[in-house]
């Protein structure tokens, strides 16, 4: 990048590295921004949001704990984590993360139209599934873990679902 842009490098890197990150952070924080000026009121969307957030938090936390426990056992070295939530989804923590962000966006809704805050979970989930998280991880795991291709064939990539036989 430095060689390609020469004297413009500081400005190009500022915009491409920090500018893009700042924009993504702003978009991701939209549900929080939507509610910061609103009075504290309970509505149907609050309950939907709390439910989504709670289920998502459980999936993300339990999925991470199950994976950490699995990896901590030496007999699992090089094996595929296909137990617990990993039996239902190859990435239960990413599914949980999507529900957490969707819950926050739902809480941001109220009697005023704040549907623009829904862009946040869409952006977060898109990045997790298509840009950074899942796509990069699956490429690595397919080449490093014996049996991962089999695991892909029988296990849902994102949504928890019973394994295919």
N, C-alpha and C. Protein backbone atom coordinates (compact mmCIF):
# COMPACT_ATOMS: atom_id res chain seq x y z
N UNK A 1 0.83 -1.18 0.00
CA UNK A 1 0.00 0.00 0.00
C UNK A 1 0.88 1.25 0.00
N UNK A 2 1.93 1.22 0.81
CA UNK A 2 2.83 2.37 0.90
C UNK A 2 3.49 2.66 -0.45
N UNK A 3 3.98 1.60 -1.11
CA UNK A 3 4.67 1.78 -2.39
C UNK A 3 3.69 2.24 -3.47
N UNK A 4 2.50 1.72 -3.46
CA UNK A 4 1.52 2.03 -4.49
C UNK A 4 1.03 3.47 -4.40
N UNK A 5 0.92 4.02 -3.19
CA UNK A 5 0.35 5.36 -3.04
C UNK A 5 1.37 6.46 -2.79
N UNK A 6 2.61 6.10 -2.55
CA UNK A 6 3.68 7.09 -2.40
C UNK A 6 3.39 8.13 -1.34
N UNK A 7 3.46 9.42 -1.72
CA UNK A 7 3.30 10.51 -0.77
C UNK A 7 1.86 10.61 -0.23
N UNK A 8 0.91 10.02 -0.95
CA UNK A 8 -0.48 10.04 -0.49
C UNK A 8 -0.77 8.95 0.53
N UNK A 9 0.21 8.11 0.82
CA UNK A 9 0.00 6.96 1.71
C UNK A 9 -0.63 7.33 3.05
N UNK A 10 -0.15 8.37 3.77
CA UNK A 10 -0.77 8.68 5.07
C UNK A 10 -2.28 8.93 4.96
N UNK A 11 -2.70 9.65 3.94
CA UNK A 11 -4.12 9.96 3.79
C UNK A 11 -4.92 8.74 3.33
N UNK A 12 -4.36 7.99 2.40
CA UNK A 12 -5.05 6.79 1.91
C UNK A 12 -5.20 5.78 3.04
N UNK A 13 -4.14 5.58 3.81
CA UNK A 13 -4.22 4.61 4.92
C UNK A 13 -5.17 5.11 6.01
N UNK A 14 -5.18 6.40 6.26
CA UNK A 14 -6.09 6.96 7.25
C UNK A 14 -7.54 6.65 6.89
N UNK A 15 -7.89 6.88 5.63
CA UNK A 15 -9.26 6.65 5.19
C UNK A 15 -9.58 5.16 5.11
N UNK A 16 -8.69 4.37 4.49
CA UNK A 16 -9.01 2.96 4.29
C UNK A 16 -8.97 2.14 5.57
N UNK A 17 -8.11 2.49 6.49
CA UNK A 17 -8.02 1.71 7.73
C UNK A 17 -8.95 2.29 8.79
N UNK A 18 -8.73 3.52 9.17
CA UNK A 18 -9.49 4.09 10.28
C UNK A 18 -10.86 4.61 9.86
N UNK A 19 -10.96 5.16 8.68
CA UNK A 19 -12.25 5.68 8.21
C UNK A 19 -13.28 4.57 8.06
N UNK A 20 -12.88 3.47 7.45
CA UNK A 20 -13.80 2.35 7.26
C UNK A 20 -14.19 1.76 8.62
N UNK A 21 -13.22 1.59 9.51
CA UNK A 21 -13.52 1.06 10.84
C UNK A 21 -14.48 1.98 11.59
N UNK A 22 -14.24 3.27 11.50
CA UNK A 22 -15.12 4.23 12.17
C UNK A 22 -16.54 4.18 11.63
N UNK A 23 -16.68 4.07 10.32
CA UNK A 23 -18.00 3.98 9.71
C UNK A 23 -18.72 2.71 10.17
N UNK A 24 -18.01 1.59 10.17
CA UNK A 24 -18.61 0.33 10.61
C UNK A 24 -19.03 0.42 12.07
N UNK A 25 -18.18 0.99 12.92
CA UNK A 25 -18.54 1.14 14.34
C UNK A 25 -19.79 2.00 14.50
N UNK A 26 -19.88 3.07 13.73
CA UNK A 26 -21.04 3.95 13.81
C UNK A 26 -22.31 3.20 13.41
N UNK A 27 -22.24 2.44 12.30
CA UNK A 27 -23.40 1.69 11.82
C UNK A 27 -23.81 0.63 12.84
N UNK A 28 -22.82 -0.07 13.39
CA UNK A 28 -23.09 -1.13 14.36
C UNK A 28 -23.73 -0.57 15.63
N UNK A 29 -23.39 0.64 15.99
CA UNK A 29 -23.92 1.25 17.21
C UNK A 29 -25.29 1.92 17.00
N UNK A 30 -25.87 1.83 15.82
CA UNK A 30 -27.14 2.50 15.55
C UNK A 30 -28.26 2.16 16.54
N UNK A 31 -28.43 0.90 16.94
CA UNK A 31 -29.51 0.64 17.91
C UNK A 31 -29.32 1.40 19.23
N UNK A 32 -28.09 1.51 19.67
CA UNK A 32 -27.83 2.25 20.91
C UNK A 32 -28.05 3.74 20.71
N UNK A 33 -27.65 4.24 19.55
CA UNK A 33 -27.87 5.64 19.25
C UNK A 33 -29.37 5.95 19.14
N UNK A 34 -30.13 5.00 18.63
CA UNK A 34 -31.56 5.21 18.45
C UNK A 34 -32.28 5.42 19.77
N UNK A 35 -31.84 4.73 20.80
CA UNK A 35 -32.54 4.79 22.09
C UNK A 35 -31.99 5.82 23.06
N UNK A 36 -30.85 6.39 22.76
CA UNK A 36 -30.23 7.26 23.77
C UNK A 36 -31.06 8.50 24.10
N UNK A 37 -31.86 8.97 23.16
CA UNK A 37 -32.66 10.17 23.43
C UNK A 37 -34.12 9.85 23.74
N UNK A 38 -34.47 8.57 23.75
CA UNK A 38 -35.87 8.19 23.96
C UNK A 38 -36.15 7.97 25.44
N UNK A 39 -37.35 8.28 25.88
CA UNK A 39 -37.70 7.99 27.28
C UNK A 39 -37.77 6.48 27.48
N UNK A 40 -37.50 6.06 28.70
CA UNK A 40 -37.53 4.64 29.02
C UNK A 40 -38.98 4.17 29.09
N UNK A 41 -39.39 3.45 28.06
CA UNK A 41 -40.74 2.90 28.01
C UNK A 41 -40.66 1.44 27.62
N UNK A 42 -41.63 0.67 28.09
CA UNK A 42 -41.71 -0.74 27.73
C UNK A 42 -42.76 -0.90 26.64
N UNK A 43 -42.45 -1.70 25.66
CA UNK A 43 -43.37 -1.96 24.57
C UNK A 43 -43.11 -3.38 24.07
N UNK A 44 -43.90 -3.84 23.14
CA UNK A 44 -43.77 -5.22 22.64
C UNK A 44 -42.37 -5.48 22.09
N UNK A 45 -41.81 -4.49 21.39
CA UNK A 45 -40.46 -4.66 20.83
C UNK A 45 -39.42 -4.85 21.93
N UNK A 46 -39.65 -4.24 23.09
CA UNK A 46 -38.72 -4.43 24.21
C UNK A 46 -38.66 -5.90 24.60
N UNK A 47 -39.82 -6.52 24.71
CA UNK A 47 -39.87 -7.93 25.09
C UNK A 47 -39.25 -8.83 24.02
N UNK A 48 -39.55 -8.54 22.76
CA UNK A 48 -38.93 -9.30 21.66
C UNK A 48 -37.42 -9.15 21.73
N UNK A 49 -36.96 -7.93 21.91
CA UNK A 49 -35.53 -7.67 21.98
C UNK A 49 -34.85 -8.35 23.14
N UNK A 50 -35.47 -8.30 24.31
CA UNK A 50 -34.89 -8.96 25.48
C UNK A 50 -34.83 -10.47 25.26
N UNK A 51 -35.88 -11.02 24.65
CA UNK A 51 -35.88 -12.45 24.34
C UNK A 51 -34.77 -12.83 23.37
N UNK A 52 -34.66 -12.09 22.27
CA UNK A 52 -33.60 -12.36 21.28
C UNK A 52 -32.23 -12.21 21.91
N UNK A 53 -32.04 -11.13 22.64
CA UNK A 53 -30.74 -10.88 23.28
C UNK A 53 -30.39 -12.02 24.23
N UNK A 54 -31.34 -12.45 25.04
CA UNK A 54 -31.09 -13.51 26.03
C UNK A 54 -30.74 -14.84 25.38
N UNK A 55 -31.51 -15.23 24.37
CA UNK A 55 -31.22 -16.47 23.66
C UNK A 55 -29.86 -16.37 22.98
N UNK A 56 -29.60 -15.24 22.35
CA UNK A 56 -28.31 -15.04 21.68
C UNK A 56 -27.14 -15.07 22.64
N UNK A 57 -27.30 -14.42 23.78
CA UNK A 57 -26.24 -14.41 24.78
C UNK A 57 -25.94 -15.83 25.25
N UNK A 58 -26.99 -16.61 25.47
CA UNK A 58 -26.80 -18.02 25.89
C UNK A 58 -26.07 -18.81 24.82
N UNK A 59 -26.50 -18.68 23.57
CA UNK A 59 -25.85 -19.41 22.48
C UNK A 59 -24.39 -19.02 22.35
N UNK A 60 -24.12 -17.73 22.39
CA UNK A 60 -22.75 -17.25 22.23
C UNK A 60 -21.88 -17.71 23.40
N UNK A 61 -22.35 -17.55 24.61
CA UNK A 61 -21.58 -17.90 25.80
C UNK A 61 -21.39 -19.40 25.93
N UNK A 62 -22.49 -20.14 25.86
CA UNK A 62 -22.39 -21.60 26.02
C UNK A 62 -21.58 -22.20 24.87
N UNK A 63 -21.79 -21.71 23.65
CA UNK A 63 -21.01 -22.20 22.51
C UNK A 63 -19.51 -21.99 22.71
N UNK A 64 -19.14 -20.81 23.18
CA UNK A 64 -17.72 -20.52 23.44
C UNK A 64 -17.17 -21.38 24.58
N UNK A 65 -17.96 -21.56 25.64
CA UNK A 65 -17.52 -22.39 26.77
C UNK A 65 -17.36 -23.85 26.36
N UNK A 66 -18.30 -24.36 25.58
CA UNK A 66 -18.20 -25.74 25.11
C UNK A 66 -16.96 -25.93 24.24
N UNK A 67 -16.70 -24.98 23.35
CA UNK A 67 -15.52 -25.07 22.50
C UNK A 67 -14.24 -24.99 23.31
N UNK A 68 -14.19 -24.09 24.28
CA UNK A 68 -12.99 -23.96 25.13
C UNK A 68 -12.74 -25.24 25.91
N UNK A 69 -13.79 -25.82 26.46
CA UNK A 69 -13.63 -27.08 27.21
C UNK A 69 -13.15 -28.19 26.27
N UNK A 70 -13.73 -28.28 25.09
CA UNK A 70 -13.34 -29.30 24.10
C UNK A 70 -11.86 -29.16 23.74
N UNK A 71 -11.44 -27.92 23.47
CA UNK A 71 -10.04 -27.68 23.07
C UNK A 71 -9.06 -27.92 24.21
N UNK A 72 -9.52 -27.81 25.44
CA UNK A 72 -8.62 -27.97 26.59
C UNK A 72 -8.23 -29.43 26.83
N UNK A 73 -8.96 -30.36 26.27
CA UNK A 73 -8.67 -31.78 26.47
C UNK A 73 -7.72 -32.27 25.38
N UNK A 74 -6.59 -32.82 25.79
CA UNK A 74 -5.56 -33.24 24.83
C UNK A 74 -6.06 -34.30 23.86
N UNK A 75 -6.99 -35.15 24.28
CA UNK A 75 -7.48 -36.19 23.37
C UNK A 75 -8.30 -35.63 22.20
N UNK A 76 -8.68 -34.35 22.28
CA UNK A 76 -9.44 -33.73 21.19
C UNK A 76 -8.55 -33.00 20.19
N UNK A 77 -7.25 -33.04 20.39
CA UNK A 77 -6.31 -32.36 19.49
C UNK A 77 -6.54 -32.81 18.04
N UNK A 78 -6.79 -31.88 17.15
CA UNK A 78 -6.99 -32.18 15.74
C UNK A 78 -8.37 -32.70 15.39
N UNK A 79 -9.25 -32.81 16.37
CA UNK A 79 -10.61 -33.30 16.12
C UNK A 79 -11.58 -32.14 15.91
N UNK A 80 -12.73 -32.48 15.37
CA UNK A 80 -13.78 -31.50 15.11
C UNK A 80 -14.75 -31.48 16.30
N UNK A 81 -15.07 -30.29 16.77
CA UNK A 81 -16.02 -30.12 17.88
C UNK A 81 -17.44 -30.31 17.33
N UNK A 82 -17.99 -31.50 17.50
CA UNK A 82 -19.33 -31.79 16.99
C UNK A 82 -20.28 -32.25 18.09
N UNK A 83 -20.10 -31.67 19.27
CA UNK A 83 -20.94 -31.98 20.43
C UNK A 83 -21.62 -30.70 20.91
N UNK A 84 -22.59 -30.86 21.78
CA UNK A 84 -23.27 -29.69 22.33
C UNK A 84 -23.89 -28.86 21.22
N UNK A 85 -23.74 -27.55 21.33
CA UNK A 85 -24.27 -26.67 20.28
C UNK A 85 -23.55 -26.90 18.96
N UNK A 86 -22.30 -27.38 19.01
CA UNK A 86 -21.55 -27.68 17.79
C UNK A 86 -22.15 -28.81 16.98
N UNK A 87 -23.03 -29.56 17.57
CA UNK A 87 -23.74 -30.62 16.85
C UNK A 87 -24.85 -30.02 15.98
N UNK A 88 -25.39 -28.88 16.41
CA UNK A 88 -26.51 -28.25 15.72
C UNK A 88 -26.09 -27.18 14.72
N UNK A 89 -24.93 -26.57 14.96
CA UNK A 89 -24.45 -25.47 14.11
C UNK A 89 -22.93 -25.47 14.14
N UNK A 90 -22.31 -25.22 12.99
CA UNK A 90 -20.85 -25.14 12.96
C UNK A 90 -20.35 -23.89 13.67
N UNK A 91 -21.20 -22.89 13.79
CA UNK A 91 -20.81 -21.63 14.42
C UNK A 91 -21.92 -21.11 15.34
N UNK A 92 -22.19 -21.83 16.44
CA UNK A 92 -23.27 -21.39 17.34
C UNK A 92 -23.00 -20.03 17.97
N UNK A 93 -21.73 -19.69 18.18
CA UNK A 93 -21.42 -18.39 18.77
C UNK A 93 -21.73 -17.25 17.80
N UNK A 94 -21.55 -17.47 16.50
CA UNK A 94 -21.90 -16.44 15.52
C UNK A 94 -23.42 -16.28 15.43
N UNK A 95 -24.14 -17.41 15.52
CA UNK A 95 -25.60 -17.34 15.55
C UNK A 95 -26.05 -16.55 16.77
N UNK A 96 -25.46 -16.85 17.91
CA UNK A 96 -25.79 -16.12 19.14
C UNK A 96 -25.49 -14.64 19.02
N UNK A 97 -24.36 -14.31 18.41
CA UNK A 97 -23.98 -12.91 18.22
C UNK A 97 -25.00 -12.19 17.35
N UNK A 98 -25.49 -12.85 16.31
CA UNK A 98 -26.51 -12.25 15.44
C UNK A 98 -27.79 -11.98 16.23
N UNK A 99 -28.16 -12.90 17.11
CA UNK A 99 -29.36 -12.69 17.93
C UNK A 99 -29.17 -11.55 18.93
N UNK A 100 -27.97 -11.44 19.50
CA UNK A 100 -27.69 -10.35 20.44
C UNK A 100 -27.89 -9.00 19.74
N UNK A 101 -27.29 -8.85 18.55
CA UNK A 101 -27.42 -7.58 17.83
C UNK A 101 -28.86 -7.35 17.36
N UNK A 102 -29.54 -8.43 16.97
CA UNK A 102 -30.96 -8.29 16.58
C UNK A 102 -31.81 -7.88 17.78
N UNK A 103 -31.48 -8.42 18.94
CA UNK A 103 -32.20 -8.04 20.16
C UNK A 103 -32.03 -6.56 20.48
N UNK A 104 -30.80 -6.07 20.35
CA UNK A 104 -30.57 -4.64 20.60
C UNK A 104 -31.34 -3.78 19.60
N UNK A 105 -31.37 -4.21 18.33
CA UNK A 105 -32.11 -3.45 17.32
C UNK A 105 -33.61 -3.47 17.63
N UNK A 106 -34.12 -4.61 18.11
CA UNK A 106 -35.55 -4.69 18.46
C UNK A 106 -35.87 -3.78 19.65
N UNK A 107 -34.99 -3.75 20.63
CA UNK A 107 -35.19 -2.87 21.79
C UNK A 107 -35.20 -1.40 21.36
N UNK A 108 -34.44 -1.08 20.32
CA UNK A 108 -34.37 0.30 19.83
C UNK A 108 -35.69 0.74 19.20
N UNK A 109 -36.52 -0.21 18.81
CA UNK A 109 -37.81 0.13 18.20
C UNK A 109 -38.79 0.56 19.28
N UNK A 110 -39.64 1.47 18.95
CA UNK A 110 -40.74 1.85 19.84
C UNK A 110 -41.84 2.46 19.00
N UNK A 111 -42.65 3.28 19.59
CA UNK A 111 -43.76 3.84 18.82
C UNK A 111 -43.28 4.76 17.69
N UNK A 112 -42.05 5.22 17.78
CA UNK A 112 -41.48 6.00 16.68
C UNK A 112 -40.84 5.03 15.69
N UNK A 113 -40.78 5.42 14.44
CA UNK A 113 -40.16 4.54 13.45
C UNK A 113 -38.65 4.65 13.54
N UNK A 114 -38.03 3.63 14.06
CA UNK A 114 -36.58 3.57 14.15
C UNK A 114 -36.06 2.35 13.37
N UNK A 115 -36.74 2.01 12.30
CA UNK A 115 -36.37 0.82 11.54
C UNK A 115 -34.97 0.93 10.94
N UNK A 116 -34.45 2.13 10.80
CA UNK A 116 -33.09 2.30 10.29
C UNK A 116 -32.07 1.64 11.21
N UNK A 117 -32.42 1.42 12.47
CA UNK A 117 -31.49 0.77 13.41
C UNK A 117 -31.33 -0.71 13.10
N UNK A 118 -32.21 -1.27 12.27
CA UNK A 118 -32.11 -2.68 11.90
C UNK A 118 -30.91 -2.96 11.01
N UNK A 119 -30.31 -1.93 10.45
CA UNK A 119 -29.12 -2.13 9.61
C UNK A 119 -27.97 -2.72 10.42
N UNK A 120 -27.92 -2.43 11.70
CA UNK A 120 -26.82 -2.90 12.55
C UNK A 120 -26.68 -4.42 12.58
N UNK A 121 -27.74 -5.18 12.93
CA UNK A 121 -27.56 -6.63 12.93
C UNK A 121 -27.31 -7.20 11.54
N UNK A 122 -27.84 -6.55 10.52
CA UNK A 122 -27.60 -7.01 9.15
C UNK A 122 -26.12 -6.87 8.81
N UNK A 123 -25.54 -5.71 9.13
CA UNK A 123 -24.12 -5.48 8.85
C UNK A 123 -23.24 -6.43 9.67
N UNK A 124 -23.53 -6.57 10.95
CA UNK A 124 -22.73 -7.46 11.81
C UNK A 124 -22.79 -8.90 11.31
N UNK A 125 -23.97 -9.37 10.98
CA UNK A 125 -24.12 -10.75 10.53
C UNK A 125 -23.44 -10.94 9.18
N UNK A 126 -23.57 -9.97 8.29
CA UNK A 126 -22.89 -10.05 6.99
C UNK A 126 -21.38 -10.17 7.18
N UNK A 127 -20.81 -9.33 8.04
CA UNK A 127 -19.36 -9.40 8.29
C UNK A 127 -18.97 -10.75 8.88
N UNK A 128 -19.75 -11.24 9.84
CA UNK A 128 -19.45 -12.54 10.47
C UNK A 128 -19.51 -13.68 9.46
N UNK A 129 -20.50 -13.65 8.58
CA UNK A 129 -20.70 -14.77 7.67
C UNK A 129 -19.90 -14.67 6.38
N UNK A 130 -19.75 -13.49 5.84
CA UNK A 130 -19.19 -13.35 4.49
C UNK A 130 -17.83 -12.67 4.39
N UNK A 131 -17.48 -11.85 5.37
CA UNK A 131 -16.24 -11.08 5.24
C UNK A 131 -15.13 -11.64 6.10
N UNK A 132 -15.33 -11.65 7.39
CA UNK A 132 -14.22 -12.05 8.27
C UNK A 132 -14.45 -13.41 8.91
N UNK A 133 -15.33 -13.50 9.86
CA UNK A 133 -15.51 -14.68 10.69
C UNK A 133 -15.56 -16.02 10.01
N UNK A 134 -16.74 -16.42 9.60
CA UNK A 134 -16.99 -17.78 9.16
C UNK A 134 -16.21 -18.16 7.91
N UNK A 135 -16.17 -17.32 6.94
CA UNK A 135 -15.51 -17.64 5.67
C UNK A 135 -14.03 -17.94 5.89
N UNK A 136 -13.33 -17.09 6.62
CA UNK A 136 -11.90 -17.31 6.88
C UNK A 136 -11.67 -18.53 7.75
N UNK A 137 -12.48 -18.68 8.78
CA UNK A 137 -12.33 -19.80 9.70
C UNK A 137 -12.57 -21.13 9.00
N UNK A 138 -13.59 -21.22 8.18
CA UNK A 138 -13.89 -22.48 7.50
C UNK A 138 -12.79 -22.85 6.51
N UNK A 139 -12.23 -21.88 5.86
CA UNK A 139 -11.13 -22.16 4.92
C UNK A 139 -9.96 -22.79 5.67
N UNK A 140 -9.65 -22.25 6.84
CA UNK A 140 -8.55 -22.77 7.65
C UNK A 140 -8.87 -24.15 8.21
N UNK A 141 -10.06 -24.30 8.76
CA UNK A 141 -10.43 -25.57 9.40
C UNK A 141 -10.53 -26.71 8.41
N UNK A 142 -10.98 -26.44 7.19
CA UNK A 142 -11.09 -27.49 6.18
C UNK A 142 -9.73 -28.09 5.88
N UNK A 143 -8.70 -27.27 5.88
CA UNK A 143 -7.36 -27.79 5.57
C UNK A 143 -6.65 -28.35 6.80
N UNK A 144 -7.02 -27.93 8.00
CA UNK A 144 -6.31 -28.35 9.22
C UNK A 144 -6.95 -29.50 9.97
N UNK A 145 -8.23 -29.66 9.88
CA UNK A 145 -8.94 -30.65 10.69
C UNK A 145 -9.43 -31.81 9.84
N UNK A 146 -8.96 -33.00 10.18
CA UNK A 146 -9.46 -34.20 9.51
C UNK A 146 -10.93 -34.36 9.87
N UNK A 147 -11.75 -34.65 8.89
CA UNK A 147 -13.17 -34.85 9.14
C UNK A 147 -14.00 -33.58 9.09
N UNK A 148 -13.37 -32.44 8.84
CA UNK A 148 -14.15 -31.20 8.83
C UNK A 148 -15.07 -31.15 7.62
N UNK A 149 -14.63 -31.68 6.50
CA UNK A 149 -15.47 -31.69 5.30
C UNK A 149 -16.73 -32.53 5.56
N UNK A 150 -16.58 -33.64 6.26
CA UNK A 150 -17.71 -34.46 6.68
C UNK A 150 -18.66 -33.67 7.58
N UNK A 151 -18.07 -32.95 8.51
CA UNK A 151 -18.82 -32.12 9.45
C UNK A 151 -19.64 -31.07 8.70
N UNK A 152 -19.05 -30.48 7.66
CA UNK A 152 -19.75 -29.49 6.83
C UNK A 152 -20.97 -30.12 6.18
N UNK A 153 -20.82 -31.35 5.69
CA UNK A 153 -21.92 -32.02 4.99
C UNK A 153 -23.11 -32.31 5.90
N UNK A 154 -22.86 -32.57 7.18
CA UNK A 154 -23.96 -32.99 8.06
C UNK A 154 -24.46 -31.89 9.01
N UNK A 155 -23.74 -30.77 9.11
CA UNK A 155 -24.08 -29.76 10.12
C UNK A 155 -24.41 -28.42 9.48
N UNK A 156 -25.47 -27.80 9.94
CA UNK A 156 -25.86 -26.47 9.48
C UNK A 156 -24.73 -25.48 9.75
N UNK A 157 -24.50 -24.58 8.82
CA UNK A 157 -23.39 -23.64 8.99
C UNK A 157 -23.68 -22.56 10.02
N UNK A 158 -24.93 -22.12 10.11
CA UNK A 158 -25.24 -20.97 10.95
C UNK A 158 -26.42 -21.23 11.88
N UNK A 159 -27.59 -21.49 11.32
CA UNK A 159 -28.78 -21.71 12.13
C UNK A 159 -28.71 -23.08 12.81
N UNK A 160 -29.01 -23.15 14.10
CA UNK A 160 -29.02 -24.45 14.78
C UNK A 160 -30.10 -25.35 14.18
N UNK A 161 -29.70 -26.54 13.80
CA UNK A 161 -30.62 -27.47 13.17
C UNK A 161 -30.11 -28.88 13.43
N UNK A 162 -31.00 -29.86 13.59
CA UNK A 162 -30.51 -31.23 13.80
C UNK A 162 -29.61 -31.67 12.63
N UNK A 163 -28.60 -32.47 12.93
CA UNK A 163 -27.66 -32.89 11.87
C UNK A 163 -28.35 -33.69 10.77
N UNK A 164 -27.83 -33.54 9.55
CA UNK A 164 -28.30 -34.35 8.43
C UNK A 164 -27.58 -35.70 8.52
N UNK A 165 -28.27 -36.76 8.16
CA UNK A 165 -27.61 -38.07 8.26
C UNK A 165 -26.85 -38.43 7.01
